[in-house]
Amino acid sequence: MTDKTIIQLAVFEAPARRVYDALMNSEQHSAFTGDTASIDARMGGRFKAYGDYISGTFREIVPGKKIVQDWRASDWPPGVFSIVTIQLQGKNEVTTLRLTQEGVPETFAEEISQGWHDFYWDRLREYLEKDGH
């Protein structure tokens, strides 16, 4: 099975800590995605998002700056995980997010790549703008 790497940049008009909190707090994550999220935001902690569709564990956490996860979708072959790295860089209340997702099964790469835009970045941007923090 061939793997792909997805790299994306997204810009949010909010402080880096605000973007980080929305991604890492179960309640905020659920609010912006519109679906259930359960996040144990610590090293080795487990997470689930979009019900049981996305799951994994945290490899590294630098609050407000970096999140590294073992990440999988429920429709992937059993035992297959990718590594998601999210880096946040804030400047003047604007945050640039860089996503790198390594080890995505090739047959799912296009769908997952589009999914980050449709189900994360667009919804997160809308949530942060509406929230006004």
N, C-alpha and C. Protein backbone atom coordinates (compact mmCIF):
# COMPACT_ATOMS: atom_id res chain seq x y z
N MET A 1 0.84 -1.18 0.00
CA MET A 1 0.00 0.00 0.00
C MET A 1 0.89 1.25 0.00
N THR A 2 0.61 2.16 -0.91
CA THR A 2 1.40 3.38 -1.02
C THR A 2 0.82 4.46 -0.10
N ASP A 3 1.72 5.19 0.55
CA ASP A 3 1.30 6.26 1.45
C ASP A 3 1.56 7.62 0.81
N LYS A 4 0.76 8.59 1.22
CA LYS A 4 0.91 9.97 0.77
C LYS A 4 1.11 10.88 1.98
N THR A 5 1.69 12.05 1.71
CA THR A 5 1.81 13.08 2.73
C THR A 5 0.97 14.27 2.30
N ILE A 6 0.18 14.79 3.21
CA ILE A 6 -0.66 15.97 2.97
C ILE A 6 -0.02 17.13 3.72
N ILE A 7 0.16 18.25 3.03
CA ILE A 7 0.68 19.46 3.67
C ILE A 7 -0.29 20.59 3.33
N GLN A 8 -0.74 21.30 4.37
CA GLN A 8 -1.68 22.40 4.16
C GLN A 8 -1.34 23.56 5.07
N LEU A 9 -1.67 24.75 4.61
CA LEU A 9 -1.57 25.96 5.42
C LEU A 9 -2.97 26.55 5.53
N ALA A 10 -3.29 27.05 6.71
CA ALA A 10 -4.57 27.74 6.92
C ALA A 10 -4.28 28.95 7.81
N VAL A 11 -4.95 30.05 7.53
CA VAL A 11 -4.74 31.28 8.30
C VAL A 11 -6.05 31.64 9.01
N PHE A 12 -5.92 31.98 10.29
CA PHE A 12 -7.09 32.33 11.10
C PHE A 12 -6.88 33.68 11.76
N GLU A 13 -7.91 34.50 11.79
CA GLU A 13 -7.83 35.80 12.45
C GLU A 13 -8.17 35.61 13.92
N ALA A 14 -7.24 34.99 14.63
CA ALA A 14 -7.38 34.72 16.06
C ALA A 14 -6.00 34.40 16.61
N PRO A 15 -5.78 34.63 17.90
CA PRO A 15 -4.48 34.29 18.51
C PRO A 15 -4.23 32.78 18.45
N ALA A 16 -2.96 32.40 18.39
CA ALA A 16 -2.59 30.98 18.29
C ALA A 16 -3.18 30.16 19.43
N ARG A 17 -3.19 30.71 20.63
CA ARG A 17 -3.72 29.97 21.78
C ARG A 17 -5.21 29.68 21.60
N ARG A 18 -5.92 30.61 20.99
CA ARG A 18 -7.37 30.44 20.74
C ARG A 18 -7.60 29.31 19.72
N VAL A 19 -6.80 29.27 18.68
CA VAL A 19 -6.90 28.21 17.67
C VAL A 19 -6.57 26.86 18.31
N TYR A 20 -5.50 26.84 19.07
CA TYR A 20 -5.07 25.62 19.77
C TYR A 20 -6.19 25.11 20.69
N ASP A 21 -6.76 26.00 21.49
CA ASP A 21 -7.82 25.60 22.42
C ASP A 21 -9.02 25.02 21.68
N ALA A 22 -9.40 25.61 20.57
CA ALA A 22 -10.53 25.11 19.80
C ALA A 22 -10.27 23.69 19.28
N LEU A 23 -9.02 23.41 18.93
CA LEU A 23 -8.66 22.07 18.44
C LEU A 23 -8.56 21.05 19.58
N MET A 24 -8.10 21.49 20.75
CA MET A 24 -7.74 20.56 21.83
C MET A 24 -8.75 20.44 22.96
N ASN A 25 -9.78 21.26 22.96
CA ASN A 25 -10.81 21.21 24.00
C ASN A 25 -12.03 20.49 23.43
N SER A 26 -12.46 19.43 24.10
CA SER A 26 -13.57 18.60 23.60
C SER A 26 -14.82 19.43 23.30
N GLU A 27 -15.18 20.32 24.21
CA GLU A 27 -16.39 21.12 24.04
C GLU A 27 -16.29 22.07 22.85
N GLN A 28 -15.16 22.79 22.74
CA GLN A 28 -14.97 23.73 21.63
C GLN A 28 -14.86 22.97 20.30
N HIS A 29 -14.14 21.85 20.32
CA HIS A 29 -13.98 21.04 19.11
C HIS A 29 -15.35 20.58 18.61
N SER A 30 -16.17 20.09 19.53
CA SER A 30 -17.53 19.66 19.18
C SER A 30 -18.34 20.83 18.63
N ALA A 31 -18.17 22.00 19.25
CA ALA A 31 -18.93 23.19 18.83
C ALA A 31 -18.61 23.60 17.40
N PHE A 32 -17.33 23.63 17.04
CA PHE A 32 -17.01 24.09 15.69
C PHE A 32 -17.21 23.02 14.62
N THR A 33 -17.05 21.74 14.97
CA THR A 33 -17.25 20.69 13.97
C THR A 33 -18.72 20.30 13.83
N GLY A 34 -19.50 20.55 14.89
CA GLY A 34 -20.90 20.16 14.86
C GLY A 34 -21.10 18.68 15.13
N ASP A 35 -20.07 18.01 15.66
CA ASP A 35 -20.17 16.58 15.96
C ASP A 35 -19.37 16.28 17.23
N THR A 36 -19.59 15.10 17.78
CA THR A 36 -18.98 14.72 19.04
C THR A 36 -17.47 14.61 18.96
N ALA A 37 -16.80 15.18 19.96
CA ALA A 37 -15.34 15.04 20.10
C ALA A 37 -15.03 14.72 21.56
N SER A 38 -14.06 13.85 21.76
CA SER A 38 -13.59 13.50 23.09
C SER A 38 -12.07 13.59 23.05
N ILE A 39 -11.50 14.54 23.80
CA ILE A 39 -10.07 14.83 23.69
C ILE A 39 -9.42 14.81 25.07
N ASP A 40 -8.47 13.89 25.27
CA ASP A 40 -7.68 13.83 26.49
C ASP A 40 -6.33 14.47 26.13
N ALA A 41 -6.27 15.80 26.31
CA ALA A 41 -5.17 16.62 25.79
C ALA A 41 -3.90 16.51 26.63
N ARG A 42 -3.26 15.35 26.57
CA ARG A 42 -1.98 15.16 27.25
C ARG A 42 -1.19 14.10 26.48
N MET A 43 0.10 14.05 26.73
CA MET A 43 0.95 13.06 26.07
C MET A 43 0.39 11.66 26.30
N GLY A 44 0.19 10.91 25.24
CA GLY A 44 -0.36 9.56 25.35
C GLY A 44 -1.86 9.54 25.50
N GLY A 45 -2.48 10.72 25.62
CA GLY A 45 -3.94 10.81 25.73
C GLY A 45 -4.60 10.43 24.42
N ARG A 46 -5.81 9.92 24.51
CA ARG A 46 -6.55 9.50 23.32
C ARG A 46 -7.53 10.60 22.89
N PHE A 47 -7.90 10.57 21.62
CA PHE A 47 -8.91 11.50 21.12
C PHE A 47 -9.80 10.80 20.11
N LYS A 48 -11.01 11.33 20.01
CA LYS A 48 -11.96 10.90 18.97
C LYS A 48 -12.64 12.16 18.48
N ALA A 49 -12.95 12.21 17.21
CA ALA A 49 -13.68 13.34 16.65
C ALA A 49 -14.63 12.83 15.57
N TYR A 50 -15.64 13.64 15.31
CA TYR A 50 -16.68 13.24 14.35
C TYR A 50 -17.22 11.87 14.75
N GLY A 51 -17.69 11.81 16.00
CA GLY A 51 -18.17 10.54 16.54
C GLY A 51 -16.97 9.62 16.71
N ASP A 52 -16.99 8.51 16.02
CA ASP A 52 -15.86 7.57 16.07
C ASP A 52 -15.08 7.56 14.76
N TYR A 53 -15.35 8.51 13.86
CA TYR A 53 -14.71 8.48 12.55
C TYR A 53 -13.20 8.71 12.63
N ILE A 54 -12.77 9.65 13.47
CA ILE A 54 -11.34 9.95 13.63
C ILE A 54 -10.94 9.56 15.05
N SER A 55 -9.79 8.88 15.17
CA SER A 55 -9.31 8.53 16.51
C SER A 55 -7.79 8.45 16.50
N GLY A 56 -7.22 8.45 17.70
CA GLY A 56 -5.77 8.32 17.81
C GLY A 56 -5.28 8.71 19.19
N THR A 57 -3.97 8.95 19.25
CA THR A 57 -3.32 9.34 20.51
C THR A 57 -2.36 10.50 20.25
N PHE A 58 -2.08 11.23 21.32
CA PHE A 58 -1.15 12.36 21.23
C PHE A 58 0.28 11.90 21.46
N ARG A 59 1.17 12.23 20.52
CA ARG A 59 2.60 11.93 20.63
C ARG A 59 3.37 13.06 21.28
N GLU A 60 2.95 14.29 20.96
CA GLU A 60 3.66 15.48 21.46
C GLU A 60 2.67 16.63 21.51
N ILE A 61 2.78 17.43 22.58
CA ILE A 61 1.93 18.60 22.73
C ILE A 61 2.79 19.75 23.26
N VAL A 62 2.77 20.87 22.55
CA VAL A 62 3.38 22.11 23.04
C VAL A 62 2.24 23.13 23.03
N PRO A 63 1.62 23.39 24.19
CA PRO A 63 0.44 24.24 24.24
C PRO A 63 0.58 25.54 23.46
N GLY A 64 -0.42 25.77 22.60
CA GLY A 64 -0.45 26.98 21.79
C GLY A 64 0.46 26.97 20.58
N LYS A 65 1.28 25.91 20.42
CA LYS A 65 2.26 25.90 19.32
C LYS A 65 2.27 24.64 18.45
N LYS A 66 2.14 23.46 19.06
CA LYS A 66 2.34 22.23 18.29
C LYS A 66 1.53 21.07 18.85
N ILE A 67 0.96 20.28 17.93
CA ILE A 67 0.21 19.07 18.27
C ILE A 67 0.69 17.98 17.33
N VAL A 68 1.10 16.83 17.88
CA VAL A 68 1.49 15.69 17.05
C VAL A 68 0.65 14.49 17.50
N GLN A 69 0.01 13.85 16.52
CA GLN A 69 -0.92 12.76 16.82
C GLN A 69 -0.67 11.54 15.94
N ASP A 70 -0.91 10.35 16.52
CA ASP A 70 -1.15 9.16 15.71
C ASP A 70 -2.63 9.25 15.38
N TRP A 71 -2.97 9.25 14.09
CA TRP A 71 -4.32 9.62 13.63
C TRP A 71 -4.80 8.60 12.62
N ARG A 72 -6.06 8.19 12.75
CA ARG A 72 -6.64 7.29 11.75
C ARG A 72 -8.12 7.58 11.56
N ALA A 73 -8.61 7.19 10.40
CA ALA A 73 -10.04 7.25 10.10
C ALA A 73 -10.59 5.83 10.20
N SER A 74 -11.84 5.72 10.63
CA SER A 74 -12.42 4.40 10.90
C SER A 74 -12.58 3.53 9.65
N ASP A 75 -12.58 4.15 8.46
CA ASP A 75 -12.72 3.34 7.24
C ASP A 75 -11.38 2.94 6.63
N TRP A 76 -10.27 3.23 7.33
CA TRP A 76 -8.96 2.79 6.88
C TRP A 76 -8.77 1.32 7.25
N PRO A 77 -7.82 0.65 6.59
CA PRO A 77 -7.54 -0.74 6.97
C PRO A 77 -7.15 -0.82 8.45
N PRO A 78 -7.50 -1.92 9.12
CA PRO A 78 -7.19 -2.08 10.55
C PRO A 78 -5.70 -1.85 10.85
N GLY A 79 -5.44 -1.13 11.94
CA GLY A 79 -4.07 -0.92 12.39
C GLY A 79 -3.28 0.14 11.63
N VAL A 80 -3.88 0.77 10.63
CA VAL A 80 -3.17 1.79 9.84
C VAL A 80 -3.38 3.17 10.48
N PHE A 81 -2.27 3.81 10.83
CA PHE A 81 -2.29 5.16 11.41
C PHE A 81 -1.40 6.07 10.58
N SER A 82 -1.76 7.35 10.53
CA SER A 82 -0.89 8.38 9.95
C SER A 82 -0.36 9.20 11.12
N ILE A 83 0.59 10.07 10.83
CA ILE A 83 1.10 10.99 11.84
C ILE A 83 0.71 12.41 11.41
N VAL A 84 -0.08 13.05 12.25
CA VAL A 84 -0.52 14.42 11.99
C VAL A 84 0.30 15.36 12.88
N THR A 85 0.90 16.38 12.25
CA THR A 85 1.61 17.43 12.98
C THR A 85 0.95 18.76 12.63
N ILE A 86 0.48 19.44 13.65
CA ILE A 86 -0.10 20.77 13.48
C ILE A 86 0.79 21.76 14.21
N GLN A 87 1.31 22.74 13.45
CA GLN A 87 2.15 23.78 14.03
C GLN A 87 1.42 25.11 13.91
N LEU A 88 1.42 25.87 14.98
CA LEU A 88 0.73 27.16 15.02
C LEU A 88 1.74 28.28 15.22
N GLN A 89 1.62 29.30 14.40
CA GLN A 89 2.49 30.46 14.54
C GLN A 89 1.62 31.70 14.54
N GLY A 90 1.64 32.43 15.66
CA GLY A 90 0.80 33.61 15.79
C GLY A 90 1.59 34.89 15.66
N LYS A 91 0.95 35.88 15.05
CA LYS A 91 1.56 37.21 14.93
C LYS A 91 0.42 38.22 14.78
N ASN A 92 0.41 39.23 15.66
CA ASN A 92 -0.60 40.28 15.60
C ASN A 92 -2.03 39.74 15.52
N GLU A 93 -2.36 38.80 16.41
CA GLU A 93 -3.72 38.23 16.48
C GLU A 93 -4.11 37.44 15.22
N VAL A 94 -3.15 37.06 14.42
CA VAL A 94 -3.39 36.20 13.25
C VAL A 94 -2.53 34.95 13.41
N THR A 95 -3.12 33.80 13.16
CA THR A 95 -2.41 32.54 13.32
C THR A 95 -2.31 31.81 11.99
N THR A 96 -1.10 31.36 11.69
CA THR A 96 -0.87 30.49 10.54
C THR A 96 -0.72 29.08 11.07
N LEU A 97 -1.54 28.20 10.56
CA LEU A 97 -1.52 26.79 10.94
C LEU A 97 -0.91 26.00 9.79
N ARG A 98 0.04 25.14 10.11
CA ARG A 98 0.64 24.26 9.11
C ARG A 98 0.34 22.82 9.53
N LEU A 99 -0.35 22.12 8.65
CA LEU A 99 -0.67 20.71 8.87
C LEU A 99 0.22 19.85 7.98
N THR A 100 0.84 18.84 8.58
CA THR A 100 1.54 17.81 7.82
C THR A 100 0.95 16.48 8.28
N GLN A 101 0.45 15.70 7.34
CA GLN A 101 -0.09 14.39 7.67
C GLN A 101 0.65 13.36 6.83
N GLU A 102 1.49 12.57 7.52
CA GLU A 102 2.31 11.57 6.85
C GLU A 102 1.70 10.18 7.00
N GLY A 103 1.85 9.37 5.95
CA GLY A 103 1.40 7.98 6.03
C GLY A 103 -0.08 7.79 5.74
N VAL A 104 -0.67 8.67 4.94
CA VAL A 104 -2.07 8.53 4.57
C VAL A 104 -2.16 7.49 3.44
N PRO A 105 -2.99 6.45 3.61
CA PRO A 105 -3.14 5.48 2.52
C PRO A 105 -3.55 6.20 1.24
N GLU A 106 -2.86 5.89 0.15
CA GLU A 106 -3.06 6.60 -1.12
C GLU A 106 -4.52 6.66 -1.55
N THR A 107 -5.26 5.58 -1.36
CA THR A 107 -6.66 5.56 -1.80
C THR A 107 -7.54 6.55 -1.03
N PHE A 108 -7.08 7.02 0.12
CA PHE A 108 -7.87 7.95 0.94
C PHE A 108 -7.31 9.38 0.90
N ALA A 109 -6.15 9.58 0.31
CA ALA A 109 -5.43 10.85 0.41
C ALA A 109 -6.24 12.05 -0.09
N GLU A 110 -6.87 11.93 -1.24
CA GLU A 110 -7.62 13.06 -1.80
C GLU A 110 -8.81 13.42 -0.91
N GLU A 111 -9.52 12.40 -0.46
CA GLU A 111 -10.68 12.60 0.42
C GLU A 111 -10.27 13.22 1.75
N ILE A 112 -9.19 12.75 2.34
CA ILE A 112 -8.72 13.28 3.63
C ILE A 112 -8.24 14.72 3.45
N SER A 113 -7.50 14.98 2.39
CA SER A 113 -7.01 16.33 2.13
C SER A 113 -8.16 17.32 2.01
N GLN A 114 -9.17 16.97 1.25
CA GLN A 114 -10.34 17.85 1.09
C GLN A 114 -11.10 17.96 2.41
N GLY A 115 -11.14 16.86 3.15
CA GLY A 115 -11.84 16.85 4.43
C GLY A 115 -11.28 17.85 5.43
N TRP A 116 -9.95 18.02 5.45
CA TRP A 116 -9.36 19.01 6.35
C TRP A 116 -9.92 20.39 6.06
N HIS A 117 -10.06 20.73 4.78
CA HIS A 117 -10.62 22.03 4.40
C HIS A 117 -12.09 22.13 4.78
N ASP A 118 -12.88 21.14 4.34
CA ASP A 118 -14.33 21.19 4.51
C ASP A 118 -14.77 21.05 5.96
N PHE A 119 -14.14 20.14 6.70
CA PHE A 119 -14.62 19.79 8.03
C PHE A 119 -13.79 20.40 9.16
N TYR A 120 -12.65 20.99 8.82
CA TYR A 120 -11.84 21.63 9.87
C TYR A 120 -11.59 23.11 9.59
N TRP A 121 -10.78 23.43 8.61
CA TRP A 121 -10.35 24.82 8.46
C TRP A 121 -11.51 25.77 8.20
N ASP A 122 -12.43 25.42 7.30
CA ASP A 122 -13.57 26.31 7.00
C ASP A 122 -14.46 26.48 8.23
N ARG A 123 -14.75 25.37 8.91
CA ARG A 123 -15.63 25.43 10.09
C ARG A 123 -14.95 26.13 11.26
N LEU A 124 -13.65 25.90 11.43
CA LEU A 124 -12.92 26.54 12.52
C LEU A 124 -12.86 28.06 12.29
N ARG A 125 -12.61 28.46 11.06
CA ARG A 125 -12.54 29.89 10.73
C ARG A 125 -13.89 30.55 11.05
N GLU A 126 -14.98 29.90 10.63
CA GLU A 126 -16.32 30.43 10.88
C GLU A 126 -16.60 30.51 12.39
N TYR A 127 -16.22 29.50 13.13
CA TYR A 127 -16.41 29.46 14.58
C TYR A 127 -15.64 30.58 15.28
N LEU A 128 -14.39 30.76 14.90
CA LEU A 128 -13.55 31.79 15.53
C LEU A 128 -14.06 33.19 15.21
N GLU A 129 -14.53 33.40 13.98
CA GLU A 129 -15.04 34.72 13.59
C GLU A 129 -16.33 35.03 14.33
N LYS A 130 -17.21 34.03 14.42
CA LYS A 130 -18.50 34.20 15.09
C LYS A 130 -18.29 34.38 16.59
N ASP A 131 -17.34 33.64 17.12
CA ASP A 131 -17.07 33.65 18.55
C ASP A 131 -16.47 34.99 19.00
N GLY A 132 -15.67 35.58 18.14
CA GLY A 132 -15.10 36.89 18.40
C GLY A 132 -14.08 36.99 19.52
N HIS A 133 -13.45 35.88 19.88
CA HIS A 133 -12.42 35.92 20.95
C HIS A 133 -11.10 36.38 20.38
